[in-house]
Protein backbone atom coordinates (compact mmCIF):
# COMPACT_ATOMS: atom_id res chain seq x y z
CA MET A 1 126.80 125.28 131.41
CA SER A 2 125.67 127.76 128.73
CA THR A 3 121.70 128.09 127.78
CA SER A 4 122.26 126.64 124.55
CA ILE A 5 123.96 123.45 125.77
CA ALA A 6 121.29 123.00 128.52
CA LYS A 7 118.42 123.19 125.78
CA ASN A 8 120.18 120.66 123.83
CA LEU A 9 120.54 118.28 126.65
CA LYS A 10 116.95 118.78 127.67
CA LYS A 11 115.89 117.87 124.19
CA SER A 12 118.14 114.74 124.21
CA ILE A 13 116.72 113.45 127.52
CA GLY A 14 113.41 113.08 125.22
CA LYS A 15 115.27 110.76 123.09
CA PHE A 16 116.09 108.12 125.80
CA LYS A 17 112.79 106.50 125.17
CA ASN A 18 114.49 105.05 121.81
CA ALA A 19 117.60 103.75 123.47
CA LYS A 20 118.42 99.90 123.92
CA ILE A 21 120.95 99.07 126.40
CA LEU A 22 122.49 95.62 127.13
CA VAL A 23 124.03 95.63 130.67
CA VAL A 24 126.74 93.00 131.46
CA GLY A 25 127.88 92.56 135.00
CA ASP A 26 127.74 91.39 138.68
CA ILE A 27 123.91 91.29 139.92
CA ILE A 28 123.48 92.11 143.35
CA VAL A 29 120.33 92.53 145.55
CA ASP A 30 120.37 95.49 147.92
CA HIS A 31 118.59 94.83 151.21
CA PHE A 32 117.77 97.72 153.46
CA ILE A 33 116.61 97.59 156.73
CA TRP A 34 115.19 100.87 158.18
CA GLY A 35 114.95 101.93 161.74
CA THR A 36 115.52 104.28 164.67
CA VAL A 37 118.24 104.43 167.62
CA SER A 38 117.34 105.85 170.97
CA ARG A 39 119.80 103.66 173.23
CA ILE A 40 122.96 101.75 173.16
CA SER A 41 122.92 98.26 174.05
CA PRO A 42 123.83 97.05 177.61
CA GLU A 43 125.53 94.18 176.15
CA ALA A 44 128.30 95.98 173.86
CA PRO A 45 128.90 99.61 172.87
CA VAL A 46 126.51 99.44 169.81
CA PRO A 47 123.35 101.15 168.93
CA VAL A 48 120.06 99.14 169.25
CA VAL A 49 118.02 99.72 166.16
CA ASN A 50 114.38 99.29 166.37
CA VAL A 51 113.33 98.21 162.94
CA THR A 52 110.65 99.80 161.40
CA ARG A 53 110.52 98.65 157.76
CA GLU A 54 112.68 96.79 155.15
CA ASN A 55 112.99 96.37 151.41
CA LEU A 56 114.61 94.60 148.55
CA LEU A 57 116.30 96.66 145.61
CA LEU A 58 118.16 95.87 142.36
CA GLY A 59 121.75 96.57 143.05
CA GLY A 60 125.08 96.38 141.36
CA ALA A 61 124.52 95.83 137.50
CA ALA A 62 120.86 95.44 138.05
CA ASN A 63 120.91 98.91 139.46
CA VAL A 64 122.56 100.18 136.51
CA LEU A 65 119.31 98.58 134.70
CA ASN A 66 116.97 100.35 137.16
CA ASN A 67 118.61 103.59 136.37
CA ILE A 68 118.06 103.09 132.64
CA TYR A 69 114.60 102.36 133.12
CA ALA A 70 114.02 105.31 135.58
CA LEU A 71 114.98 107.52 132.67
CA GLY A 72 112.65 106.07 130.12
CA ALA A 73 114.95 103.97 128.21
CA GLN A 74 115.10 100.14 127.57
CA ALA A 75 117.56 97.65 128.86
CA THR A 76 118.39 93.98 129.21
CA ILE A 77 120.66 92.48 131.94
CA CYS A 78 123.19 89.60 131.55
CA GLY A 79 124.53 88.07 134.49
CA THR A 80 124.19 85.31 137.00
CA ILE A 81 122.34 84.70 140.41
CA GLY A 82 122.06 81.93 142.65
CA ASN A 83 119.32 79.16 142.51
CA ASP A 84 117.76 80.47 145.78
CA PHE A 85 115.08 82.79 147.21
CA MET A 86 117.12 85.71 146.77
CA GLY A 87 117.45 85.06 143.03
CA ASP A 88 113.89 84.33 142.83
CA GLN A 89 113.16 87.74 144.48
CA LEU A 90 115.34 89.50 142.04
CA VAL A 91 113.76 87.98 139.00
CA HIS A 92 110.40 89.26 140.49
CA LEU A 93 111.86 92.74 140.72
CA LEU A 94 112.61 92.70 137.21
CA GLU A 95 109.27 91.14 135.89
CA GLN A 96 107.68 93.97 137.83
CA MET A 97 109.70 96.36 135.49
CA LYS A 98 108.72 94.18 132.42
CA SER A 99 112.59 93.76 131.80
CA SER A 100 113.69 90.59 130.08
CA THR A 101 115.26 87.80 132.15
CA ALA A 102 116.54 85.91 129.17
CA GLY A 103 120.09 86.92 129.83
CA ILE A 104 119.99 85.78 133.48
CA LEU A 105 121.47 82.28 134.42
CA LYS A 106 120.86 80.43 137.84
CA VAL A 107 124.32 79.18 139.18
CA GLU A 108 124.13 76.29 141.48
CA ASP A 109 126.25 76.31 144.72
CA ARG A 110 126.53 79.94 144.47
CA PRO A 111 124.29 82.34 146.33
CA THR A 112 122.66 85.42 144.87
CA THR A 113 124.94 88.17 146.01
CA LYS A 114 123.13 90.17 148.91
CA LYS A 115 124.18 93.42 150.50
CA THR A 116 122.25 94.28 153.76
CA ARG A 117 122.39 97.79 155.06
CA ILE A 118 121.04 98.78 158.26
CA ILE A 119 119.83 102.37 158.03
CA ALA A 120 118.99 104.47 161.27
CA GLN A 121 118.20 108.33 161.44
CA SER A 122 119.45 108.34 157.76
CA GLN A 123 122.62 107.07 158.58
CA GLN A 124 124.13 103.44 157.91
CA VAL A 125 124.92 101.79 160.84
CA VAL A 126 126.56 98.66 159.47
CA ARG A 127 126.43 96.60 156.26
CA PHE A 128 126.94 92.67 155.83
CA ASP A 129 127.32 90.89 152.74
CA ARG A 130 126.15 87.41 151.67
CA GLU A 131 128.18 86.24 148.66
CA LYS A 132 130.63 83.89 146.96
CA ILE A 133 133.47 85.61 144.89
CA GLY A 134 135.32 83.85 142.25
CA GLU A 135 134.79 83.21 138.67
CA ILE A 136 131.77 81.65 137.14
CA PRO A 137 132.06 78.15 136.03
CA GLN A 138 133.15 77.64 132.61
CA GLU A 139 129.92 76.17 131.19
CA TYR A 140 127.78 79.10 132.23
CA PHE A 141 130.29 81.50 130.46
CA LYS A 142 129.64 79.60 127.19
CA LYS A 143 125.88 80.20 127.73
CA ILE A 144 126.34 83.74 128.41
CA ALA A 145 128.71 84.01 125.44
CA THR A 146 125.74 82.71 123.23
CA PHE A 147 123.12 84.84 124.59
CA ILE A 148 125.42 87.96 124.00
CA LYS A 149 126.32 86.85 120.43
CA ASN A 150 122.67 86.16 119.46
CA SER A 151 121.40 89.46 121.13
CA ILE A 152 124.08 92.08 120.30
CA HIS A 153 122.41 93.29 117.39
CA ASP A 154 119.36 94.55 119.20
CA PHE A 155 121.27 97.00 121.23
CA ASP A 156 122.56 100.68 120.89
CA ALA A 157 125.15 100.42 123.62
CA VAL A 158 126.54 98.11 126.13
CA VAL A 159 127.41 98.78 129.80
CA VAL A 160 130.02 96.42 131.66
CA SER A 161 129.35 96.75 135.47
CA ASP A 162 132.17 95.30 137.31
CA TYR A 163 131.85 94.78 140.99
CA ASN A 164 134.58 92.15 141.27
CA LYS A 165 132.45 89.23 142.02
CA GLY A 166 133.69 86.98 139.23
CA MET A 167 131.34 87.82 136.25
CA ILE A 168 133.59 90.29 134.47
CA THR A 169 136.50 88.26 133.50
CA LYS A 170 139.18 88.18 130.50
CA THR A 171 137.19 85.57 128.97
CA LEU A 172 133.97 87.22 129.07
CA MET A 173 135.21 90.53 127.59
CA LYS A 174 136.87 88.50 124.71
CA HIS A 175 133.50 86.85 123.97
CA LEU A 176 132.03 90.32 124.32
CA GLY A 177 134.59 92.06 121.91
CA LYS A 178 134.09 88.83 119.12
CA ALA A 179 130.34 89.56 119.18
CA LEU A 180 130.88 93.40 118.91
CA SER A 181 133.20 92.79 116.06
CA LYS A 182 130.55 90.87 114.13
CA ALA A 183 127.96 93.44 114.58
CA LYS A 184 126.85 95.67 111.78
CA GLN A 185 126.66 98.94 113.71
CA ASN A 186 129.38 100.56 116.01
CA ILE A 187 128.13 99.99 119.44
CA PRO A 188 129.78 102.05 122.34
CA VAL A 189 131.05 99.83 125.36
CA VAL A 190 131.16 101.52 128.66
CA VAL A 191 133.09 100.09 131.64
CA ASP A 192 132.78 100.83 135.27
CA PRO A 193 135.79 98.99 136.33
CA LYS A 194 137.33 97.48 139.31
CA PRO A 195 141.12 98.07 139.31
CA ARG A 196 141.94 94.21 139.27
CA ASP A 197 143.55 93.32 136.03
CA PRO A 198 142.71 96.39 133.98
CA GLY A 199 143.89 94.68 130.89
CA ARG A 200 140.51 93.04 130.61
CA PHE A 201 139.16 96.32 129.14
CA LYS A 202 141.58 96.95 126.37
CA GLY A 203 139.69 98.44 123.51
CA VAL A 204 136.52 99.55 125.18
CA THR A 205 135.13 102.80 124.19
CA ILE A 206 135.60 104.62 127.69
CA VAL A 207 136.03 103.58 131.20
CA THR A 208 134.71 105.52 134.37
CA PRO A 209 136.96 104.65 137.48
CA ASN A 210 136.43 106.72 140.65
CA HIS A 211 139.63 108.90 141.85
CA HIS A 212 140.92 105.91 143.91
CA GLU A 213 140.46 103.49 141.26
CA ALA A 214 142.22 105.72 138.46
CA GLU A 215 145.08 105.99 140.94
CA ILE A 216 145.52 102.34 141.27
CA MET A 217 145.08 101.46 137.67
CA SER A 218 147.17 104.39 136.39
CA GLY A 219 149.96 104.09 139.13
CA VAL A 220 149.72 107.93 139.45
CA SER A 221 148.88 109.56 142.72
CA ILE A 222 146.22 112.27 141.82
CA ASP A 223 146.97 115.52 143.75
CA SER A 224 146.71 118.25 141.05
CA GLU A 225 145.54 118.92 137.76
CA GLU A 226 148.76 117.80 136.10
CA SER A 227 148.59 114.34 137.85
CA LEU A 228 144.82 114.10 137.10
CA VAL A 229 145.80 114.51 133.31
CA LEU A 230 148.74 112.18 133.65
CA ALA A 231 146.71 109.48 135.02
CA ALA A 232 143.63 109.71 132.44
CA GLU A 233 146.14 109.70 129.76
CA THR A 234 148.17 106.80 131.12
CA LEU A 235 144.90 104.85 131.34
CA MET A 236 143.83 105.88 127.93
CA ASP A 237 147.18 104.50 126.49
CA LYS A 238 147.18 101.33 128.53
CA LEU A 239 143.52 100.36 127.41
CA GLY A 240 143.29 102.20 124.15
CA THR A 241 140.09 103.71 124.76
CA GLU A 242 138.48 106.52 123.12
CA ALA A 243 137.90 108.43 126.50
CA VAL A 244 138.48 108.23 130.20
CA LEU A 245 135.80 109.65 132.75
CA ILE A 246 137.14 109.84 136.32
CA THR A 247 134.38 110.55 139.12
CA ARG A 248 135.89 112.49 141.87
CA GLY A 249 133.02 113.06 144.08
CA GLU A 250 132.73 116.56 145.62
CA ALA A 251 135.07 117.59 143.01
CA GLY A 252 132.64 116.36 140.02
CA MET A 253 134.28 114.59 137.17
CA ALA A 254 137.14 114.96 134.65
CA LEU A 255 136.83 113.91 130.99
CA LEU A 256 139.49 113.05 128.71
CA GLU A 257 139.38 112.39 124.95
CA LYS A 258 141.93 111.81 122.51
CA GLY A 259 143.66 114.79 121.25
CA LYS A 260 141.58 117.05 123.46
CA PRO A 261 142.40 119.05 126.84
CA ILE A 262 140.80 117.62 129.94
CA PHE A 263 137.33 118.84 130.57
CA THR A 264 136.12 119.20 134.21
CA ILE A 265 132.63 119.17 135.16
CA PRO A 266 131.81 120.66 138.66
CA THR A 267 129.40 118.77 140.80
CA VAL A 268 125.69 119.90 140.94
CA ALA A 269 124.78 118.10 144.22
CA LYS A 270 123.42 120.49 146.76
CA GLU A 271 123.58 118.24 149.46
CA VAL A 272 125.25 114.65 149.78
CA TYR A 273 123.37 112.08 152.04
CA ASP A 274 124.37 108.71 150.52
CA VAL A 275 126.78 107.93 147.51
CA THR A 276 125.34 104.14 147.31
CA GLY A 277 124.75 103.41 143.79
CA ALA A 278 126.02 106.59 142.56
CA GLY A 279 128.57 105.20 140.11
CA ASP A 280 125.59 103.15 138.71
CA THR A 281 123.86 106.20 137.85
CA VAL A 282 126.72 107.77 136.24
CA ILE A 283 127.30 104.97 133.84
CA ALA A 284 123.58 104.38 133.07
CA THR A 285 123.23 107.95 132.00
CA LEU A 286 126.54 108.30 130.36
CA THR A 287 125.91 105.21 128.10
CA MET A 288 122.27 106.38 127.27
CA GLY A 289 123.70 109.64 126.19
CA LEU A 290 126.39 107.81 123.83
CA ALA A 291 123.54 105.54 122.68
CA ILE A 292 121.50 108.27 121.35
CA GLY A 293 124.49 109.86 119.60
CA LEU A 294 125.56 112.55 122.13
CA PRO A 295 129.25 113.28 122.26
CA PHE A 296 131.24 112.51 125.34
CA ILE A 297 131.22 115.91 126.74
CA GLU A 298 127.28 116.11 126.59
CA SER A 299 126.84 112.31 127.79
CA ALA A 300 129.08 113.13 130.77
CA THR A 301 127.52 116.37 131.85
CA LEU A 302 124.27 114.68 131.97
CA ALA A 303 125.51 111.95 133.89
CA ASN A 304 127.06 114.28 136.43
CA CYS A 305 123.63 115.93 136.57
CA ALA A 306 122.05 112.56 137.49
CA ALA A 307 124.55 111.69 139.95
CA GLY A 308 123.99 114.95 141.63
CA VAL A 309 120.30 113.97 141.97
CA VAL A 310 120.93 110.49 143.55
CA VAL A 311 123.40 111.60 145.85
CA GLY A 312 120.92 113.52 147.72
CA LYS A 313 118.75 110.50 148.45
CA VAL A 314 119.26 107.85 151.08
CA GLY A 315 119.76 104.19 150.01
CA THR A 316 120.20 102.86 146.47
CA ALA A 317 118.51 105.41 144.25
CA THR A 318 117.63 106.54 140.88
CA ALA A 319 117.07 109.86 139.06
CA SER A 320 113.89 110.47 137.14
CA THR A 321 113.56 112.18 133.91
CA GLU A 322 111.78 115.09 135.76
CA GLU A 323 114.44 115.27 138.16
CA LEU A 324 117.16 115.33 135.60
CA LEU A 325 115.37 118.03 133.77
CA GLY A 326 114.93 120.13 137.12
CA VAL A 327 118.73 120.18 137.60
CA LEU A 328 119.62 121.62 134.21
CA PRO A 329 119.75 125.36 133.97
């Protein structure tokens, strides 16, 4: 990265505070149980974890929102939770951030999705999930569509965070598309997709699949730069997007824009401790860049830097403005 580009990116980070982002997606509570292991259970060949602390964090689409706030921008989340204790806890976390909960609906007979991870000596021992997967009942979709239609003009960009729990459907994407078509300004839509039914995302601005998701969605096995380009081109043609950003773990990222050669971005991570939530950090930072008018390349570069920060932390994490500035040369 040249000094001039780095200087421009540092200036751009200061503009994040002006961005307002709508996050639409599957809301999750991340529950972490922390402890130590000193012996194996006599009952079964499993470690015995001595619990020292536990905490609840915003996960899924809510972690995207958390990353946006961590970098100084404003965001509102739209999605569903259960009418339960964990849903109340999530609302409390949002209220502590002073983030609007107007776009959140409580759904009966459906628990708030919770992922519990047990961490010992900085290593994940096991994860167990409490959830009900499937499409949200139609009456709730109508309320969500109304919220999006009435509020879309307040935002500079939209993030669609798909965790394949049932929120992001063809119906919802159609409602979002209609609302965007009536908006006065050109609002970028950034999608972190799951491979199921990629046709849902036709016409969005950019999708950000990881290496494995890109292979499934494109039908191309990625094992060379040529196949990487083919997969990205195939996705762009199928979905009619302006760009595709494929996240590749230790290999960094690959960005393809219409009419341009592929642009690869090497990772800046010095050490990788935990990739939990790294995709949320990528899409949050990428979207903020686009929201303030940065081109795809500069937005993706910032997203790569932010991801390099969070994978060096254990658990669902965010990157602060100071940390992001610190990894830029």
